[in-house]
Each structure stands twice: as structure tokens, then as C-alpha cells.
PDB file of all heavy atoms in Angstrom:
ATOM      1  N   GLY A   1       0.833  -1.184   0.013  1.00  0.00           N
ATOM      2  CA  GLY A   1       0.016   0.022  -0.043  1.00  0.00           C
ATOM      3  C   GLY A   1       0.859   1.228   0.004  1.00  0.00           C
ATOM      4  O   GLY A   1       2.051   1.170   0.283  1.00  0.00           O
ATOM      5  N   PHE A   2       0.300   2.357  -0.337  1.00  0.00           N
ATOM      6  CA  PHE A   2       1.005   3.683  -0.306  1.00  0.00           C
ATOM      7  C   PHE A   2       1.546   3.978   1.007  1.00  0.00           C
ATOM      8  O   PHE A   2       0.933   3.757   2.033  1.00  0.00           O
ATOM      9  CB  PHE A   2       0.110   4.760  -0.795  1.00  0.00           C
ATOM     10  CG  PHE A   2       0.628   6.138  -0.705  1.00  0.00           C
ATOM     11  CD1 PHE A   2       1.610   6.642  -1.573  1.00  0.00           C
ATOM     12  CD2 PHE A   2       0.301   6.999   0.393  1.00  0.00           C
ATOM     13  CE1 PHE A   2       2.233   7.852  -1.463  1.00  0.00           C
ATOM     14  CE2 PHE A   2       0.830   8.260   0.484  1.00  0.00           C
ATOM     15  CZ  PHE A   2       1.793   8.624  -0.498  1.00  0.00           C
ATOM     16  N   HIS A   3       2.860   4.436   0.992  1.00  0.00           N
ATOM     17  CA  HIS A   3       3.556   4.841   2.207  1.00  0.00           C
ATOM     18  C   HIS A   3       3.849   6.347   2.158  1.00  0.00           C
ATOM     19  O   HIS A   3       3.571   7.102   3.119  1.00  0.00           O
ATOM     20  CB  HIS A   3       4.834   4.008   2.343  1.00  0.00           C
ATOM     21  CG  HIS A   3       5.561   4.397   3.627  1.00  0.00           C
ATOM     22  ND1 HIS A   3       6.627   5.249   3.608  1.00  0.00           N
ATOM     23  CD2 HIS A   3       5.388   4.021   4.935  1.00  0.00           C
ATOM     24  CE1 HIS A   3       7.078   5.418   4.840  1.00  0.00           C
ATOM     25  NE2 HIS A   3       6.331   4.674   5.612  1.00  0.00           N
ATOM     26  N   SER A   4       4.512   6.819   1.105  1.00  0.00           N
ATOM     27  CA  SER A   4       4.914   8.188   1.006  1.00  0.00           C
ATOM     28  C   SER A   4       5.269   8.630  -0.361  1.00  0.00           C
ATOM     29  O   SER A   4       5.490   7.777  -1.224  1.00  0.00           O
ATOM     30  CB  SER A   4       6.128   8.509   2.014  1.00  0.00           C
ATOM     31  OG  SER A   4       7.207   7.723   1.521  1.00  0.00           O
ATOM     32  N   ILE A   5       5.354   9.918  -0.532  1.00  0.00           N
ATOM     33  CA  ILE A   5       5.677  10.423  -1.814  1.00  0.00           C
ATOM     34  C   ILE A   5       6.777  11.480  -1.639  1.00  0.00           C
ATOM     35  O   ILE A   5       6.657  12.353  -0.631  1.00  0.00           O
ATOM     36  CB  ILE A   5       4.519  11.020  -2.580  1.00  0.00           C
ATOM     37  CG1 ILE A   5       4.927  11.505  -4.015  1.00  0.00           C
ATOM     38  CG2 ILE A   5       3.819  12.106  -1.908  1.00  0.00           C
ATOM     39  CD1 ILE A   5       3.727  11.863  -4.920  1.00  0.00           C
ATOM     40  N   SER A   6       7.771  11.667  -2.517  1.00  0.00           N
ATOM     41  CA  SER A   6       8.737  12.604  -2.411  1.00  0.00           C
ATOM     42  C   SER A   6       9.330  13.006  -3.758  1.00  0.00           C
ATOM     43  O   SER A   6       9.120  12.284  -4.742  1.00  0.00           O
ATOM     44  CB  SER A   6       9.987  12.174  -1.485  1.00  0.00           C
ATOM     45  OG  SER A   6      10.573  10.920  -2.132  1.00  0.00           O
ATOM     46  N   LEU A   7       9.890  14.211  -3.826  1.00  0.00           N
ATOM     47  CA  LEU A   7      10.551  14.640  -5.061  1.00  0.00           C
ATOM     48  C   LEU A   7      11.722  13.797  -5.406  1.00  0.00           C
ATOM     49  O   LEU A   7      12.534  13.341  -4.563  1.00  0.00           O
ATOM     50  CB  LEU A   7      10.954  16.073  -4.912  1.00  0.00           C
ATOM     51  CG  LEU A   7       9.913  17.181  -4.920  1.00  0.00           C
ATOM     52  CD1 LEU A   7      10.497  18.559  -4.624  1.00  0.00           C
ATOM     53  CD2 LEU A   7       9.130  17.188  -6.283  1.00  0.00           C
ATOM     54  N   ASN A   8      11.829  13.468  -6.663  1.00  0.00           N
ATOM     55  CA  ASN A   8      12.931  12.607  -7.168  1.00  0.00           C
ATOM     56  C   ASN A   8      14.213  13.484  -7.232  1.00  0.00           C
ATOM     57  O   ASN A   8      14.307  14.406  -8.069  1.00  0.00           O
ATOM     58  CB  ASN A   8      12.625  12.054  -8.554  1.00  0.00           C
ATOM     59  CG  ASN A   8      13.672  11.199  -9.188  1.00  0.00           C
ATOM     60  OD1 ASN A   8      14.646  10.682  -8.400  1.00  0.00           O
ATOM     61  ND2 ASN A   8      13.623  10.839 -10.412  1.00  0.00           N
ATOM     62  N   LYS A   9      15.148  13.106  -6.434  1.00  0.00           N
ATOM     63  CA  LYS A   9      16.410  13.978  -6.437  1.00  0.00           C
ATOM     64  C   LYS A   9      17.195  13.858  -7.711  1.00  0.00           C
ATOM     65  O   LYS A   9      17.975  14.740  -7.998  1.00  0.00           O
ATOM     66  CB  LYS A   9      17.320  13.409  -5.383  1.00  0.00           C
ATOM     67  CG  LYS A   9      16.648  13.642  -3.906  1.00  0.00           C
ATOM     68  CD  LYS A   9      17.611  13.188  -2.789  1.00  0.00           C
ATOM     69  CE  LYS A   9      16.958  13.417  -1.395  1.00  0.00           C
ATOM     70  NZ  LYS A   9      17.839  12.855  -0.328  1.00  0.00           N
ATOM     71  N   ASP A  10      16.919  12.856  -8.525  1.00  0.00           N
ATOM     72  CA  ASP A  10      17.742  12.755  -9.723  1.00  0.00           C
ATOM     73  C   ASP A  10      16.971  13.203 -11.022  1.00  0.00           C
ATOM     74  O   ASP A  10      17.357  13.024 -12.159  1.00  0.00           O
ATOM     75  CB  ASP A  10      17.973  11.192 -10.038  1.00  0.00           C
ATOM     76  CG  ASP A  10      18.938  10.623  -8.977  1.00  0.00           C
ATOM     77  OD1 ASP A  10      19.825  11.346  -8.546  1.00  0.00           O
ATOM     78  OD2 ASP A  10      18.714   9.422  -8.605  1.00  0.00           O
ATOM     79  N   PHE A  11      15.827  13.969 -10.675  1.00  0.00           N
ATOM     80  CA  PHE A  11      15.065  14.480 -11.769  1.00  0.00           C
ATOM     81  C   PHE A  11      15.895  15.472 -12.630  1.00  0.00           C
ATOM     82  O   PHE A  11      16.557  16.426 -12.030  1.00  0.00           O
ATOM     83  CB  PHE A  11      13.775  15.203 -11.252  1.00  0.00           C
ATOM     84  CG  PHE A  11      13.022  15.908 -12.370  1.00  0.00           C
ATOM     85  CD1 PHE A  11      12.207  15.141 -13.148  1.00  0.00           C
ATOM     86  CD2 PHE A  11      13.046  17.251 -12.505  1.00  0.00           C
ATOM     87  CE1 PHE A  11      11.439  15.730 -14.111  1.00  0.00           C
ATOM     88  CE2 PHE A  11      12.229  17.908 -13.529  1.00  0.00           C
ATOM     89  CZ  PHE A  11      11.494  17.154 -14.368  1.00  0.00           C
ATOM     90  N   GLY A  12      15.922  15.257 -13.961  1.00  0.00           N
ATOM     91  CA  GLY A  12      16.673  16.107 -14.857  1.00  0.00           C
ATOM     92  C   GLY A  12      18.135  15.704 -14.979  1.00  0.00           C
ATOM     93  O   GLY A  12      18.915  16.231 -15.762  1.00  0.00           O
ATOM     94  N   ARG A  13      18.542  14.691 -14.173  1.00  0.00           N
ATOM     95  CA  ARG A  13      19.936  14.176 -14.171  1.00  0.00           C
ATOM     96  C   ARG A  13      19.907  12.713 -14.570  1.00  0.00           C
ATOM     97  O   ARG A  13      20.330  11.846 -13.848  1.00  0.00           O
ATOM     98  CB  ARG A  13      20.659  14.369 -12.934  1.00  0.00           C
ATOM     99  CG  ARG A  13      20.909  15.836 -12.537  1.00  0.00           C
ATOM    100  CD  ARG A  13      21.611  16.001 -11.278  1.00  0.00           C
ATOM    101  NE  ARG A  13      20.767  15.569 -10.110  1.00  0.00           N
ATOM    102  CZ  ARG A  13      21.173  15.610  -8.886  1.00  0.00           C
ATOM    103  NH1 ARG A  13      22.392  16.043  -8.509  1.00  0.00           N
ATOM    104  NH2 ARG A  13      20.412  15.167  -7.925  1.00  0.00           N
ATOM    105  N   GLY A  14      19.270  12.434 -15.715  1.00  0.00           N
ATOM    106  CA  GLY A  14      19.163  11.032 -16.170  1.00  0.00           C
ATOM    107  C   GLY A  14      17.858  10.425 -15.820  1.00  0.00           C
ATOM    108  O   GLY A  14      17.595   9.255 -16.292  1.00  0.00           O
ATOM    109  N   SER A  15      17.019  11.125 -15.058  1.00  0.00           N
ATOM    110  CA  SER A  15      15.655  10.585 -14.763  1.00  0.00           C
ATOM    111  C   SER A  15      14.703  11.684 -15.022  1.00  0.00           C
ATOM    112  O   SER A  15      14.834  12.847 -14.579  1.00  0.00           O
ATOM    113  CB  SER A  15      15.595  10.072 -13.338  1.00  0.00           C
ATOM    114  OG  SER A  15      14.286   9.732 -13.002  1.00  0.00           O
ATOM    115  N   TRP A  16      13.538  11.304 -15.648  1.00  0.00           N
ATOM    116  CA  TRP A  16      12.496  12.296 -15.892  1.00  0.00           C
ATOM    117  C   TRP A  16      11.274  12.046 -15.050  1.00  0.00           C
ATOM    118  O   TRP A  16      10.192  12.532 -15.269  1.00  0.00           O
ATOM    119  CB  TRP A  16      12.138  12.270 -17.358  1.00  0.00           C
ATOM    120  CG  TRP A  16      13.239  12.738 -18.242  1.00  0.00           C
ATOM    121  CD1 TRP A  16      14.063  12.058 -18.930  1.00  0.00           C
ATOM    122  CD2 TRP A  16      13.634  14.108 -18.349  1.00  0.00           C
ATOM    123  NE1 TRP A  16      14.972  12.820 -19.666  1.00  0.00           N
ATOM    124  CE2 TRP A  16      14.750  14.097 -19.266  1.00  0.00           C
ATOM    125  CE3 TRP A  16      13.154  15.317 -17.926  1.00  0.00           C
ATOM    126  CZ2 TRP A  16      15.349  15.290 -19.644  1.00  0.00           C
ATOM    127  CZ3 TRP A  16      13.802  16.477 -18.294  1.00  0.00           C
ATOM    128  CH2 TRP A  16      14.909  16.476 -19.182  1.00  0.00           C
ATOM    129  N   LYS A  17      11.466  11.206 -14.058  1.00  0.00           N
ATOM    130  CA  LYS A  17      10.355  10.955 -13.042  1.00  0.00           C
ATOM    131  C   LYS A  17      10.419  12.031 -11.943  1.00  0.00           C
ATOM    132  O   LYS A  17      11.382  12.091 -11.267  1.00  0.00           O
ATOM    133  CB  LYS A  17      10.539   9.577 -12.507  1.00  0.00           C
ATOM    134  CG  LYS A  17       9.377   9.109 -11.584  1.00  0.00           C
ATOM    135  CD  LYS A  17       9.551   7.644 -11.166  1.00  0.00           C
ATOM    136  CE  LYS A  17      10.719   7.427 -10.285  1.00  0.00           C
ATOM    137  NZ  LYS A  17      10.806   6.060  -9.751  1.00  0.00           N
ATOM    138  N   LEU A  18       9.442  12.756 -11.894  1.00  0.00           N
ATOM    139  CA  LEU A  18       9.437  13.898 -10.901  1.00  0.00           C
ATOM    140  C   LEU A  18       9.285  13.534  -9.590  1.00  0.00           C
ATOM    141  O   LEU A  18       9.845  14.064  -8.618  1.00  0.00           O
ATOM    142  CB  LEU A  18       8.252  14.894 -11.355  1.00  0.00           C
ATOM    143  CG  LEU A  18       8.142  16.227 -10.486  1.00  0.00           C
ATOM    144  CD1 LEU A  18       9.454  17.000 -10.569  1.00  0.00           C
ATOM    145  CD2 LEU A  18       6.980  17.039 -11.000  1.00  0.00           C
ATOM    146  N   PHE A  19       8.497  12.431  -9.350  1.00  0.00           N
ATOM    147  CA  PHE A  19       8.255  11.993  -7.895  1.00  0.00           C
ATOM    148  C   PHE A  19       8.624  10.557  -7.705  1.00  0.00           C
ATOM    149  O   PHE A  19       8.605   9.781  -8.652  1.00  0.00           O
ATOM    150  CB  PHE A  19       6.691  12.213  -7.560  1.00  0.00           C
ATOM    151  CG  PHE A  19       6.181  13.521  -7.551  1.00  0.00           C
ATOM    152  CD1 PHE A  19       5.522  14.113  -8.636  1.00  0.00           C
ATOM    153  CD2 PHE A  19       6.474  14.394  -6.505  1.00  0.00           C
ATOM    154  CE1 PHE A  19       5.043  15.343  -8.662  1.00  0.00           C
ATOM    155  CE2 PHE A  19       5.979  15.777  -6.501  1.00  0.00           C
ATOM    156  CZ  PHE A  19       5.243  16.228  -7.624  1.00  0.00           C
ATOM    157  N   ASP A  20       9.039  10.300  -6.508  1.00  0.00           N
ATOM    158  CA  ASP A  20       9.203   8.894  -6.022  1.00  0.00           C
ATOM    159  C   ASP A  20       7.995   8.507  -5.140  1.00  0.00           C
ATOM    160  O   ASP A  20       7.793   9.265  -4.096  1.00  0.00           O
ATOM    161  CB  ASP A  20      10.519   8.723  -5.240  1.00  0.00           C
ATOM    162  CG  ASP A  20      11.690   8.776  -6.188  1.00  0.00           C
ATOM    163  OD1 ASP A  20      11.623   8.219  -7.325  1.00  0.00           O
ATOM    164  OD2 ASP A  20      12.762   9.264  -5.856  1.00  0.00           O
ATOM    165  N   VAL A  21       7.300   7.513  -5.485  1.00  0.00           N
ATOM    166  CA  VAL A  21       6.248   7.018  -4.652  1.00  0.00           C
ATOM    167  C   VAL A  21       6.655   5.685  -4.008  1.00  0.00           C
ATOM    168  O   VAL A  21       6.994   4.773  -4.784  1.00  0.00           O
ATOM    169  CB  VAL A  21       4.937   6.842  -5.515  1.00  0.00           C
ATOM    170  CG1 VAL A  21       3.750   6.347  -4.603  1.00  0.00           C
ATOM    171  CG2 VAL A  21       4.549   8.073  -6.248  1.00  0.00           C
ATOM    172  N   LEU A  22       6.601   5.682  -2.684  1.00  0.00           N
ATOM    173  CA  LEU A  22       7.088   4.459  -1.924  1.00  0.00           C
ATOM    174  C   LEU A  22       5.859   3.650  -1.526  1.00  0.00           C
ATOM    175  O   LEU A  22       4.862   4.251  -1.034  1.00  0.00           O
ATOM    176  CB  LEU A  22       7.873   4.928  -0.736  1.00  0.00           C
ATOM    177  CG  LEU A  22       9.213   5.709  -1.054  1.00  0.00           C
ATOM    178  CD1 LEU A  22       9.898   6.018   0.238  1.00  0.00           C
ATOM    179  CD2 LEU A  22      10.079   4.889  -2.028  1.00  0.00           C
ATOM    180  N   PHE A  23       5.955   2.383  -1.699  1.00  0.00           N
ATOM    181  CA  PHE A  23       4.898   1.459  -1.242  1.00  0.00           C
ATOM    182  C   PHE A  23       5.431   0.490  -0.171  1.00  0.00           C
ATOM    183  O   PHE A  23       6.638  -0.012  -0.386  1.00  0.00           O
ATOM    184  CB  PHE A  23       4.268   0.638  -2.392  1.00  0.00           C
ATOM    185  CG  PHE A  23       3.715   1.478  -3.489  1.00  0.00           C
ATOM    186  CD1 PHE A  23       4.395   1.946  -4.492  1.00  0.00           C
ATOM    187  CD2 PHE A  23       2.373   1.949  -3.319  1.00  0.00           C
ATOM    188  CE1 PHE A  23       3.860   2.746  -5.464  1.00  0.00           C
ATOM    189  CE2 PHE A  23       1.784   2.760  -4.319  1.00  0.00           C
ATOM    190  CZ  PHE A  23       2.540   3.173  -5.361  1.00  0.00           C
ATOM    191  N   HIS A  24       4.805   0.211   0.903  1.00  0.00           N
ATOM    192  CA  HIS A  24       5.204  -0.685   1.879  1.00  0.00           C
ATOM    193  C   HIS A  24       4.250  -1.904   1.982  1.00  0.00           C
ATOM    194  O   HIS A  24       3.048  -1.710   1.697  1.00  0.00           O
ATOM    195  CB  HIS A  24       5.296   0.039   3.274  1.00  0.00           C
ATOM    196  CG  HIS A  24       6.570   0.793   3.385  1.00  0.00           C
ATOM    197  ND1 HIS A  24       6.937   1.354   4.624  1.00  0.00           N
ATOM    198  CD2 HIS A  24       7.524   1.159   2.574  1.00  0.00           C
ATOM    199  CE1 HIS A  24       8.131   1.966   4.428  1.00  0.00           C
ATOM    200  NE2 HIS A  24       8.463   1.947   3.194  1.00  0.00           N
TER     201      HIS A  24
END
């Protein structure tokens, strides 16, 4: 299930995923 969401630290540096969504 959903746990948390945060900004992707690697956005624009090889990754175009803006958010990281964590599931536990």
C-alpha cells in the first residue's frame, strides 16, 4: 500500500520521473 511520496532527487539528471512514490 501507499507509504509516502517525495521529489525525485535525480530529476533532470538522467531521470524524468518527478516524484518517487514508496509502497510498503
